[in-house]
Amino acid sequence: MSDTVYDIPTKGDRRKRSRHLWFINSSFDLVNFDQTVERISERDPQAEFRFVVTPNVDHLVRMQKEPKWIKSIYQDAWLTVCDSRILELIAKLSGENLEVTPGSDLTEYLFENSINTDETITVIGASASVIDAVTARYGLTDVRWYEPPMGLRKNLGAVQQCADFIANNPAKFTFICVGSPQQEMVAKAALRRGDCQGVGLCVGASLDFLAGKVARAPKWMQKSRLEWLHRLISEPARMWRRYLVTGPKIFLLWWRWQNDRKQNRPEKT
């Protein structure tokens, strides 16, 4: 696969922000939850397509070994917010204020407060049962749903078909729920088309939570940064490697990031 597949530059407001932080393997917008919601909700639904990414520990660890063309996708996001309270904590220990905006909380807020029952909602991914449950829960009347094939990462034709669906079903909000980095690939393909509209939200399993397919951790576990433990206990066969093998690597990456920052920090005179 060519490293230049997703390297075509885009115009306009792809990084519309005033401040950002490069933390470990990603650049984050320094915005809180309310500011994130405001930016997304108030954007003109007919404006050129832009997308939001929500990196967490898993993203940043995988980014270390991802090819250049995958890393470049995140650089073209309109908004990058932190999806992990663990990242929020270790950034704080480094003296950085990286506020958390979980993708699941963001998705829930938009459905509860920003989406009208009669407006068009476009969804890439999820399952028929999830779509039915979310549609019923919020009384939605115009959900445009596309279920791509498995193996999306290695099927650029299928990625393009997702982008085509977004173009043919314009909506203020497009929820791209096919896992990372597939969802970011779809968002970038839609951006490259140049004729898509609205905001694409790369939010993983967020609709599964809204549909009740997967139970979220209790609020006290979320606030205590133990949501990962709840997911591990709930789905051990699927989550053990992510949380017990891959996830802990973030601390080594954090240590390296801190050392690099100290070495590159200008000396006081």
C-alpha atoms as a PDB file:
ATOM      1  CA  MET A   1       0.000   0.000   0.000  1.00  0.00           C
ATOM      2  CA  SER A   2       1.374   3.386  -0.966  1.00  0.00           C
ATOM      3  CA  ASP A   3       2.391   5.813   1.748  1.00  0.00           C
ATOM      4  CA  THR A   4       0.816   8.613  -0.297  1.00  0.00           C
ATOM      5  CA  VAL A   5      -2.726   7.225  -0.453  1.00  0.00           C
ATOM      6  CA  TYR A   6      -3.943   9.590   2.260  1.00  0.00           C
ATOM      7  CA  ASP A   7      -1.351  12.350   1.954  1.00  0.00           C
ATOM      8  CA  ILE A   8      -3.260  14.662  -0.388  1.00  0.00           C
ATOM      9  CA  PRO A   9      -3.480  18.049   1.383  1.00  0.00           C
ATOM     10  CA  THR A  10      -6.866  19.560   2.142  1.00  0.00           C
ATOM     11  CA  LYS A  11      -7.970  23.161   2.306  1.00  0.00           C
ATOM     12  CA  GLY A  12      -9.984  25.203   4.752  1.00  0.00           C
ATOM     13  CA  ASP A  13     -10.419  24.684   8.475  1.00  0.00           C
ATOM     14  CA  ARG A  14      -8.958  21.189   8.928  1.00  0.00           C
ATOM     15  CA  ARG A  15      -7.187  22.222  12.160  1.00  0.00           C
ATOM     16  CA  LYS A  16      -9.493  24.910  13.471  1.00  0.00           C
ATOM     17  CA  ARG A  17      -8.136  25.484  16.943  1.00  0.00           C
ATOM     18  CA  SER A  18      -6.214  28.048  18.967  1.00  0.00           C
ATOM     19  CA  ARG A  19      -4.019  25.770  21.087  1.00  0.00           C
ATOM     20  CA  HIS A  20      -2.879  22.208  20.953  1.00  0.00           C
ATOM     21  CA  LEU A  21      -0.555  19.791  22.729  1.00  0.00           C
ATOM     22  CA  TRP A  22       1.699  17.169  21.196  1.00  0.00           C
ATOM     23  CA  PHE A  23       1.474  14.331  23.700  1.00  0.00           C
ATOM     24  CA  ILE A  24       3.294  11.018  23.149  1.00  0.00           C
ATOM     25  CA  ASN A  25       2.141  10.154  19.612  1.00  0.00           C
ATOM     26  CA  SER A  26      -0.652  12.586  18.842  1.00  0.00           C
ATOM     27  CA  SER A  27      -1.547  16.241  18.728  1.00  0.00           C
ATOM     28  CA  PHE A  28      -4.575  17.089  20.889  1.00  0.00           C
ATOM     29  CA  ASP A  29      -6.769  20.175  20.817  1.00  0.00           C
ATOM     30  CA  LEU A  30      -6.760  21.828  24.226  1.00  0.00           C
ATOM     31  CA  VAL A  31     -10.511  22.008  24.604  1.00  0.00           C
ATOM     32  CA  ASN A  32     -12.824  20.685  27.285  1.00  0.00           C
ATOM     33  CA  PHE A  33     -16.023  18.688  26.805  1.00  0.00           C
ATOM     34  CA  ASP A  34     -18.312  21.735  26.606  1.00  0.00           C
ATOM     35  CA  GLN A  35     -16.086  23.476  24.066  1.00  0.00           C
ATOM     36  CA  THR A  36     -15.939  20.312  21.975  1.00  0.00           C
ATOM     37  CA  VAL A  37     -19.717  19.965  21.942  1.00  0.00           C
ATOM     38  CA  GLU A  38     -20.137  23.641  21.084  1.00  0.00           C
ATOM     39  CA  ARG A  39     -17.777  23.490  18.112  1.00  0.00           C
ATOM     40  CA  ILE A  40     -19.393  20.373  16.693  1.00  0.00           C
ATOM     41  CA  SER A  41     -23.004  21.372  17.321  1.00  0.00           C
ATOM     42  CA  GLU A  42     -22.686  24.901  15.968  1.00  0.00           C
ATOM     43  CA  ARG A  43     -20.920  23.985  12.741  1.00  0.00           C
ATOM     44  CA  ASP A  44     -22.905  24.623   9.571  1.00  0.00           C
ATOM     45  CA  PRO A  45     -24.344  21.248   8.470  1.00  0.00           C
ATOM     46  CA  GLN A  46     -23.841  22.201   4.826  1.00  0.00           C
ATOM     47  CA  ALA A  47     -20.208  23.156   5.285  1.00  0.00           C
ATOM     48  CA  GLU A  48     -17.472  21.006   3.805  1.00  0.00           C
ATOM     49  CA  PHE A  49     -16.961  17.684   5.544  1.00  0.00           C
ATOM     50  CA  ARG A  50     -14.580  17.613   8.497  1.00  0.00           C
ATOM     51  CA  PHE A  51     -13.914  14.839  10.984  1.00  0.00           C
ATOM     52  CA  VAL A  52     -13.245  14.358  14.680  1.00  0.00           C
ATOM     53  CA  VAL A  53     -10.876  11.743  16.108  1.00  0.00           C
ATOM     54  CA  THR A  54     -10.806  10.504  19.696  1.00  0.00           C
ATOM     55  CA  PRO A  55      -7.431   8.874  20.441  1.00  0.00           C
ATOM     56  CA  ASN A  56      -7.064   6.748  23.566  1.00  0.00           C
ATOM     57  CA  VAL A  57      -4.247   4.619  25.024  1.00  0.00           C
ATOM     58  CA  ASP A  58      -4.746   1.895  22.428  1.00  0.00           C
ATOM     59  CA  HIS A  59      -4.465   4.403  19.575  1.00  0.00           C
ATOM     60  CA  LEU A  60      -1.272   5.972  20.886  1.00  0.00           C
ATOM     61  CA  VAL A  61       0.428   2.640  21.504  1.00  0.00           C
ATOM     62  CA  ARG A  62      -0.463   1.334  18.042  1.00  0.00           C
ATOM     63  CA  MET A  63       0.627   4.630  16.489  1.00  0.00           C
ATOM     64  CA  GLN A  64       4.197   3.740  17.405  1.00  0.00           C
ATOM     65  CA  LYS A  65       4.219   1.008  14.760  1.00  0.00           C
ATOM     66  CA  GLU A  66       1.671   2.284  12.271  1.00  0.00           C
ATOM     67  CA  PRO A  67       2.859   3.181   8.761  1.00  0.00           C
ATOM     68  CA  LYS A  68       3.242   6.817   7.807  1.00  0.00           C
ATOM     69  CA  TRP A  69       0.003   6.938   5.831  1.00  0.00           C
ATOM     70  CA  ILE A  70      -2.028   5.934   8.910  1.00  0.00           C
ATOM     71  CA  LYS A  71      -0.339   8.552  11.102  1.00  0.00           C
ATOM     72  CA  SER A  72      -1.038  11.249   8.518  1.00  0.00           C
ATOM     73  CA  ILE A  73      -4.793  10.680   8.802  1.00  0.00           C
ATOM     74  CA  TYR A  74      -4.855  11.998  12.365  1.00  0.00           C
ATOM     75  CA  GLN A  75      -3.026  15.137  11.233  1.00  0.00           C
ATOM     76  CA  ASP A  76      -5.924  15.956   8.920  1.00  0.00           C
ATOM     77  CA  ALA A  77      -8.604  15.735  11.613  1.00  0.00           C
ATOM     78  CA  TRP A  78     -10.547  18.922  12.248  1.00  0.00           C
ATOM     79  CA  LEU A  79     -10.665  18.196  15.964  1.00  0.00           C
ATOM     80  CA  THR A  80      -8.675  15.757  18.112  1.00  0.00           C
ATOM     81  CA  VAL A  81      -9.895  15.121  21.651  1.00  0.00           C
ATOM     82  CA  CYS A  82      -8.639  12.799  24.366  1.00  0.00           C
ATOM     83  CA  ASP A  83     -10.777   9.682  24.889  1.00  0.00           C
ATOM     84  CA  SER A  84      -8.842   8.329  27.875  1.00  0.00           C
ATOM     85  CA  ARG A  85      -8.821   9.290  31.533  1.00  0.00           C
ATOM     86  CA  ILE A  86      -5.509   7.430  31.851  1.00  0.00           C
ATOM     87  CA  LEU A  87      -3.966   9.775  29.276  1.00  0.00           C
ATOM     88  CA  GLU A  88      -5.538  12.692  31.105  1.00  0.00           C
ATOM     89  CA  LEU A  89      -3.863  11.522  34.343  1.00  0.00           C
ATOM     90  CA  ILE A  90      -0.365  10.959  32.991  1.00  0.00           C
ATOM     91  CA  ALA A  91      -0.498  14.261  31.118  1.00  0.00           C
ATOM     92  CA  LYS A  92      -1.400  15.940  34.392  1.00  0.00           C
ATOM     93  CA  LEU A  93       1.581  14.251  36.065  1.00  0.00           C
ATOM     94  CA  SER A  94       3.682  15.862  33.333  1.00  0.00           C
ATOM     95  CA  GLY A  95       2.253  19.294  34.102  1.00  0.00           C
ATOM     96  CA  GLU A  96      -0.110  19.361  31.103  1.00  0.00           C
ATOM     97  CA  ASN A  97      -3.844  20.061  31.225  1.00  0.00           C
ATOM     98  CA  LEU A  98      -5.228  17.532  28.740  1.00  0.00           C
ATOM     99  CA  GLU A  99      -8.956  17.411  29.425  1.00  0.00           C
ATOM    100  CA  VAL A 100     -10.863  14.279  28.560  1.00  0.00           C
ATOM    101  CA  THR A 101     -13.802  14.045  26.142  1.00  0.00           C
ATOM    102  CA  PRO A 102     -14.764  10.369  25.914  1.00  0.00           C
ATOM    103  CA  GLY A 103     -16.181   9.477  22.513  1.00  0.00           C
ATOM    104  CA  SER A 104     -19.058   7.617  24.164  1.00  0.00           C
ATOM    105  CA  ASP A 105     -19.999  10.648  26.274  1.00  0.00           C
ATOM    106  CA  LEU A 106     -19.744  12.913  23.246  1.00  0.00           C
ATOM    107  CA  THR A 107     -21.986  10.636  21.188  1.00  0.00           C
ATOM    108  CA  GLU A 108     -24.551  10.356  23.973  1.00  0.00           C
ATOM    109  CA  TYR A 109     -24.650  14.123  24.449  1.00  0.00           C
ATOM    110  CA  LEU A 110     -25.238  14.751  20.747  1.00  0.00           C
ATOM    111  CA  PHE A 111     -28.100  12.260  20.620  1.00  0.00           C
ATOM    112  CA  GLU A 112     -29.622  13.624  23.830  1.00  0.00           C
ATOM    113  CA  ASN A 113     -29.252  17.334  23.087  1.00  0.00           C
ATOM    114  CA  SER A 114     -28.241  18.179  19.530  1.00  0.00           C
ATOM    115  CA  ILE A 115     -30.041  15.759  17.211  1.00  0.00           C
ATOM    116  CA  ASN A 116     -33.649  16.365  16.241  1.00  0.00           C
ATOM    117  CA  THR A 117     -35.842  13.317  15.766  1.00  0.00           C
ATOM    118  CA  ASP A 118     -36.605  14.190  12.143  1.00  0.00           C
ATOM    119  CA  GLU A 119     -33.122  15.084  10.940  1.00  0.00           C
ATOM    120  CA  THR A 120     -30.935  12.800   8.875  1.00  0.00           C
ATOM    121  CA  ILE A 121     -28.320  10.771  10.741  1.00  0.00           C
ATOM    122  CA  THR A 122     -25.739   8.776   8.809  1.00  0.00           C
ATOM    123  CA  VAL A 123     -23.986   5.788  10.391  1.00  0.00           C
ATOM    124  CA  ILE A 124     -21.118   3.727   9.029  1.00  0.00           C
ATOM    125  CA  GLY A 125     -20.706   0.466  10.916  1.00  0.00           C
ATOM    126  CA  ALA A 126     -22.527  -0.962  13.945  1.00  0.00           C
ATOM    127  CA  SER A 127     -25.133  -3.716  13.464  1.00  0.00           C
ATOM    128  CA  ALA A 128     -28.778  -3.816  12.459  1.00  0.00           C
ATOM    129  CA  SER A 129     -29.859  -4.517  16.040  1.00  0.00           C
ATOM    130  CA  VAL A 130     -27.830  -1.562  17.333  1.00  0.00           C
ATOM    131  CA  ILE A 131     -29.271   0.760  14.705  1.00  0.00           C
ATOM    132  CA  ASP A 132     -32.798  -0.410  15.523  1.00  0.00           C
ATOM    133  CA  ALA A 133     -32.255   0.088  19.259  1.00  0.00           C
ATOM    134  CA  VAL A 134     -30.786   3.588  18.904  1.00  0.00           C
ATOM    135  CA  THR A 135     -33.489   4.575  16.425  1.00  0.00           C
ATOM    136  CA  ALA A 136     -36.201   3.440  18.836  1.00  0.00           C
ATOM    137  CA  ARG A 137     -34.586   4.975  21.912  1.00  0.00           C
ATOM    138  CA  TYR A 138     -34.414   8.454  20.378  1.00  0.00           C
ATOM    139  CA  GLY A 139     -37.459   8.275  18.103  1.00  0.00           C
ATOM    140  CA  LEU A 140     -35.375   8.907  14.988  1.00  0.00           C
ATOM    141  CA  THR A 141     -37.125   8.927  11.626  1.00  0.00           C
ATOM    142  CA  ASP A 142     -34.278   9.206   9.106  1.00  0.00           C
ATOM    143  CA  VAL A 143     -31.257   7.041   9.880  1.00  0.00           C
ATOM    144  CA  ARG A 144     -29.077   6.215   6.882  1.00  0.00           C
ATOM    145  CA  TRP A 145     -27.032   3.130   7.720  1.00  0.00           C
ATOM    146  CA  TYR A 146     -24.251   1.377   5.831  1.00  0.00           C
ATOM    147  CA  GLU A 147     -22.627  -1.847   7.021  1.00  0.00           C
ATOM    148  CA  PRO A 148     -19.214  -2.298   5.377  1.00  0.00           C
ATOM    149  CA  PRO A 149     -17.555  -5.681   4.944  1.00  0.00           C
ATOM    150  CA  MET A 150     -15.022  -7.095   7.374  1.00  0.00           C
ATOM    151  CA  GLY A 151     -11.333  -6.463   6.717  1.00  0.00           C
ATOM    152  CA  LEU A 152     -11.902  -2.820   5.899  1.00  0.00           C
ATOM    153  CA  ARG A 153      -8.317  -1.786   6.624  1.00  0.00           C
ATOM    154  CA  LYS A 154      -6.989  -3.912   3.760  1.00  0.00           C
ATOM    155  CA  ASN A 155      -9.806  -3.107   1.353  1.00  0.00           C
ATOM    156  CA  LEU A 156      -9.450   0.433   0.017  1.00  0.00           C
ATOM    157  CA  GLY A 157     -12.306  -0.177  -2.389  1.00  0.00           C
ATOM    158  CA  ALA A 158     -14.640  -0.839   0.532  1.00  0.00           C
ATOM    159  CA  VAL A 159     -13.300   2.234   2.325  1.00  0.00           C
ATOM    160  CA  GLN A 160     -14.169   4.295  -0.728  1.00  0.00           C
ATOM    161  CA  GLN A 161     -17.668   2.795  -0.804  1.00  0.00           C
ATOM    162  CA  CYS A 162     -18.164   4.061   2.762  1.00  0.00           C
ATOM    163  CA  ALA A 163     -17.061   7.518   1.663  1.00  0.00           C
ATOM    164  CA  ASP A 164     -19.435   7.339  -1.303  1.00  0.00           C
ATOM    165  CA  PHE A 165     -22.298   6.503   1.063  1.00  0.00           C
ATOM    166  CA  ILE A 166     -21.449   9.549   3.195  1.00  0.00           C
ATOM    167  CA  ALA A 167     -21.479  11.738   0.082  1.00  0.00           C
ATOM    168  CA  ASN A 168     -24.824  10.330  -1.088  1.00  0.00           C
ATOM    169  CA  ASN A 169     -26.429  10.622   2.353  1.00  0.00           C
ATOM    170  CA  PRO A 170     -25.448  14.065   3.634  1.00  0.00           C
ATOM    171  CA  ALA A 171     -26.098  14.712   7.307  1.00  0.00           C
ATOM    172  CA  LYS A 172     -25.003  17.171   9.946  1.00  0.00           C
ATOM    173  CA  PHE A 173     -23.594  14.237  11.940  1.00  0.00           C
ATOM    174  CA  THR A 174     -22.054  11.084  10.498  1.00  0.00           C
ATOM    175  CA  PHE A 175     -21.082   8.477  13.084  1.00  0.00           C
ATOM    176  CA  ILE A 176     -18.255   6.241  11.872  1.00  0.00           C
ATOM    177  CA  CYS A 177     -18.163   3.174  14.097  1.00  0.00           C
ATOM    178  CA  VAL A 178     -15.856   0.590  12.530  1.00  0.00           C
ATOM    179  CA  GLY A 179     -12.919   0.676  14.940  1.00  0.00           C
ATOM    180  CA  SER A 180      -9.523   2.279  14.591  1.00  0.00           C
ATOM    181  CA  PRO A 181      -7.832   2.934  12.223  1.00  0.00           C
ATOM    182  CA  GLN A 182     -10.601   1.848   9.819  1.00  0.00           C
ATOM    183  CA  GLN A 183     -12.945   4.635  10.905  1.00  0.00           C
ATOM    184  CA  GLU A 184     -10.244   7.259  10.454  1.00  0.00           C
ATOM    185  CA  MET A 185      -9.521   5.832   6.991  1.00  0.00           C
ATOM    186  CA  VAL A 186     -13.180   6.208   6.055  1.00  0.00           C
ATOM    187  CA  ALA A 187     -13.263   9.773   7.381  1.00  0.00           C
ATOM    188  CA  LYS A 188     -10.181  10.735   5.396  1.00  0.00           C
ATOM    189  CA  ALA A 189     -11.577   9.147   2.236  1.00  0.00           C
ATOM    190  CA  ALA A 190     -14.738  11.239   2.685  1.00  0.00           C
ATOM    191  CA  LEU A 191     -12.602  14.331   3.193  1.00  0.00           C
ATOM    192  CA  ARG A 192     -10.648  13.623   0.019  1.00  0.00           C
ATOM    193  CA  ARG A 193     -13.807  13.371  -2.076  1.00  0.00           C
ATOM    194  CA  GLY A 194     -14.385  17.077  -1.572  1.00  0.00           C
ATOM    195  CA  ASP A 195     -18.173  16.858  -1.892  1.00  0.00           C
ATOM    196  CA  CYS A 196     -19.203  15.483   1.521  1.00  0.00           C
ATOM    197  CA  GLN A 197     -20.855  17.626   4.174  1.00  0.00           C
ATOM    198  CA  GLY A 198     -21.185  17.852   7.934  1.00  0.00           C
ATOM    199  CA  VAL A 199     -19.030  16.400  10.690  1.00  0.00           C
ATOM    200  CA  GLY A 200     -17.800  12.823  10.825  1.00  0.00           C
ATOM    201  CA  LEU A 201     -17.260  11.437  14.303  1.00  0.00           C
ATOM    202  CA  CYS A 202     -14.858   8.508  14.686  1.00  0.00           C
ATOM    203  CA  VAL A 203     -16.344   7.071  17.859  1.00  0.00           C
ATOM    204  CA  GLY A 204     -15.825   3.307  17.848  1.00  0.00           C
ATOM    205  CA  ALA A 205     -18.321   1.352  19.936  1.00  0.00           C
ATOM    206  CA  SER A 206     -20.263   4.394  21.154  1.00  0.00           C
ATOM    207  CA  LEU A 207     -23.535   3.326  19.540  1.00  0.00           C
ATOM    208  CA  ASP A 208     -23.188  -0.116  21.128  1.00  0.00           C
ATOM    209  CA  PHE A 209     -23.349   1.607  24.524  1.00  0.00           C
ATOM    210  CA  LEU A 210     -26.377   3.693  23.556  1.00  0.00           C
ATOM    211  CA  ALA A 211     -28.156   0.582  22.286  1.00  0.00           C
ATOM    212  CA  GLY A 212     -27.455  -1.334  25.500  1.00  0.00           C
ATOM    213  CA  LYS A 213     -25.467  -3.964  23.636  1.00  0.00           C
ATOM    214  CA  VAL A 214     -22.478  -3.254  25.879  1.00  0.00           C
ATOM    215  CA  ALA A 215     -22.874  -1.866  29.403  1.00  0.00           C
ATOM    216  CA  ARG A 216     -20.725   1.087  30.378  1.00  0.00           C
ATOM    217  CA  ALA A 217     -18.914   1.183  33.670  1.00  0.00           C
ATOM    218  CA  PRO A 218     -20.693   2.801  36.624  1.00  0.00           C
ATOM    219  CA  LYS A 219     -20.031   6.516  36.972  1.00  0.00           C
ATOM    220  CA  TRP A 220     -17.805   5.993  40.000  1.00  0.00           C
ATOM    221  CA  MET A 221     -15.553   3.675  37.986  1.00  0.00           C
ATOM    222  CA  GLN A 222     -15.412   6.166  35.126  1.00  0.00           C
ATOM    223  CA  LYS A 223     -14.440   9.005  37.470  1.00  0.00           C
ATOM    224  CA  SER A 224     -11.890   6.747  39.199  1.00  0.00           C
ATOM    225  CA  ARG A 225     -10.276   5.956  35.820  1.00  0.00           C
ATOM    226  CA  LEU A 226     -11.300   2.303  36.136  1.00  0.00           C
ATOM    227  CA  GLU A 227     -13.538   2.020  33.090  1.00  0.00           C
ATOM    228  CA  TRP A 228     -10.869  -0.162  31.463  1.00  0.00           C
ATOM    229  CA  LEU A 229     -11.203  -2.642  34.362  1.00  0.00           C
ATOM    230  CA  HIS A 230     -14.957  -2.820  33.892  1.00  0.00           C
ATOM    231  CA  ARG A 231     -14.561  -3.587  30.195  1.00  0.00           C
ATOM    232  CA  LEU A 232     -11.908  -6.198  30.950  1.00  0.00           C
ATOM    233  CA  ILE A 233     -14.180  -7.953  33.444  1.00  0.00           C
ATOM    234  CA  SER A 234     -17.179  -7.678  31.099  1.00  0.00           C
ATOM    235  CA  GLU A 235     -15.388  -8.980  27.994  1.00  0.00           C
ATOM    236  CA  PRO A 236     -12.209 -10.780  29.136  1.00  0.00           C
ATOM    237  CA  ALA A 237     -11.749 -12.898  26.004  1.00  0.00           C
ATOM    238  CA  ARG A 238     -11.848  -9.843  23.738  1.00  0.00           C
ATOM    239  CA  MET A 239     -10.203  -7.242  25.955  1.00  0.00           C
ATOM    240  CA  TRP A 240      -7.457  -9.008  27.903  1.00  0.00           C
ATOM    241  CA  ARG A 241      -4.732  -8.365  25.351  1.00  0.00           C
ATOM    242  CA  ARG A 242      -5.624  -4.691  24.926  1.00  0.00           C
ATOM    243  CA  TYR A 243      -5.632  -3.923  28.637  1.00  0.00           C
ATOM    244  CA  LEU A 244      -3.035  -6.357  30.013  1.00  0.00           C
ATOM    245  CA  VAL A 245      -0.500  -6.532  27.168  1.00  0.00           C
ATOM    246  CA  THR A 246      -0.842  -3.580  24.821  1.00  0.00           C
ATOM    247  CA  GLY A 247      -2.126  -0.886  27.176  1.00  0.00           C
ATOM    248  CA  PRO A 248       0.721  -0.910  29.724  1.00  0.00           C
ATOM    249  CA  LYS A 249       3.165  -0.009  26.927  1.00  0.00           C
ATOM    250  CA  ILE A 250       1.837   3.542  27.174  1.00  0.00           C
ATOM    251  CA  PHE A 251       3.994   4.101  30.261  1.00  0.00           C
ATOM    252  CA  LEU A 252       7.193   3.351  28.346  1.00  0.00           C
ATOM    253  CA  LEU A 253       6.092   5.707  25.572  1.00  0.00           C
ATOM    254  CA  TRP A 254       5.260   8.336  28.174  1.00  0.00           C
ATOM    255  CA  TRP A 255       8.710   7.977  29.749  1.00  0.00           C
ATOM    256  CA  ARG A 256      10.353   8.407  26.327  1.00  0.00           C
ATOM    257  CA  TRP A 257       8.171  11.431  25.564  1.00  0.00           C
ATOM    258  CA  GLN A 258       9.174  13.092  28.813  1.00  0.00           C
ATOM    259  CA  ASN A 259      12.865  12.463  28.145  1.00  0.00           C
ATOM    260  CA  ASP A 260      12.590  13.845  24.620  1.00  0.00           C
ATOM    261  CA  ARG A 261      10.822  16.923  25.934  1.00  0.00           C
ATOM    262  CA  LYS A 262      13.529  17.541  28.533  1.00  0.00           C
ATOM    263  CA  GLN A 263      16.285  17.180  25.941  1.00  0.00           C
ATOM    264  CA  ASN A 264      14.588  19.518  23.492  1.00  0.00           C
ATOM    265  CA  ARG A 265      13.596  22.147  26.047  1.00  0.00           C
ATOM    266  CA  PRO A 266      15.680  25.310  25.595  1.00  0.00           C
ATOM    267  CA  GLU A 267      18.038  26.083  28.460  1.00  0.00           C
ATOM    268  CA  LYS A 268      17.324  29.127  30.592  1.00  0.00           C
ATOM    269  CA  THR A 269      19.893  31.884  30.377  1.00  0.00           C
END
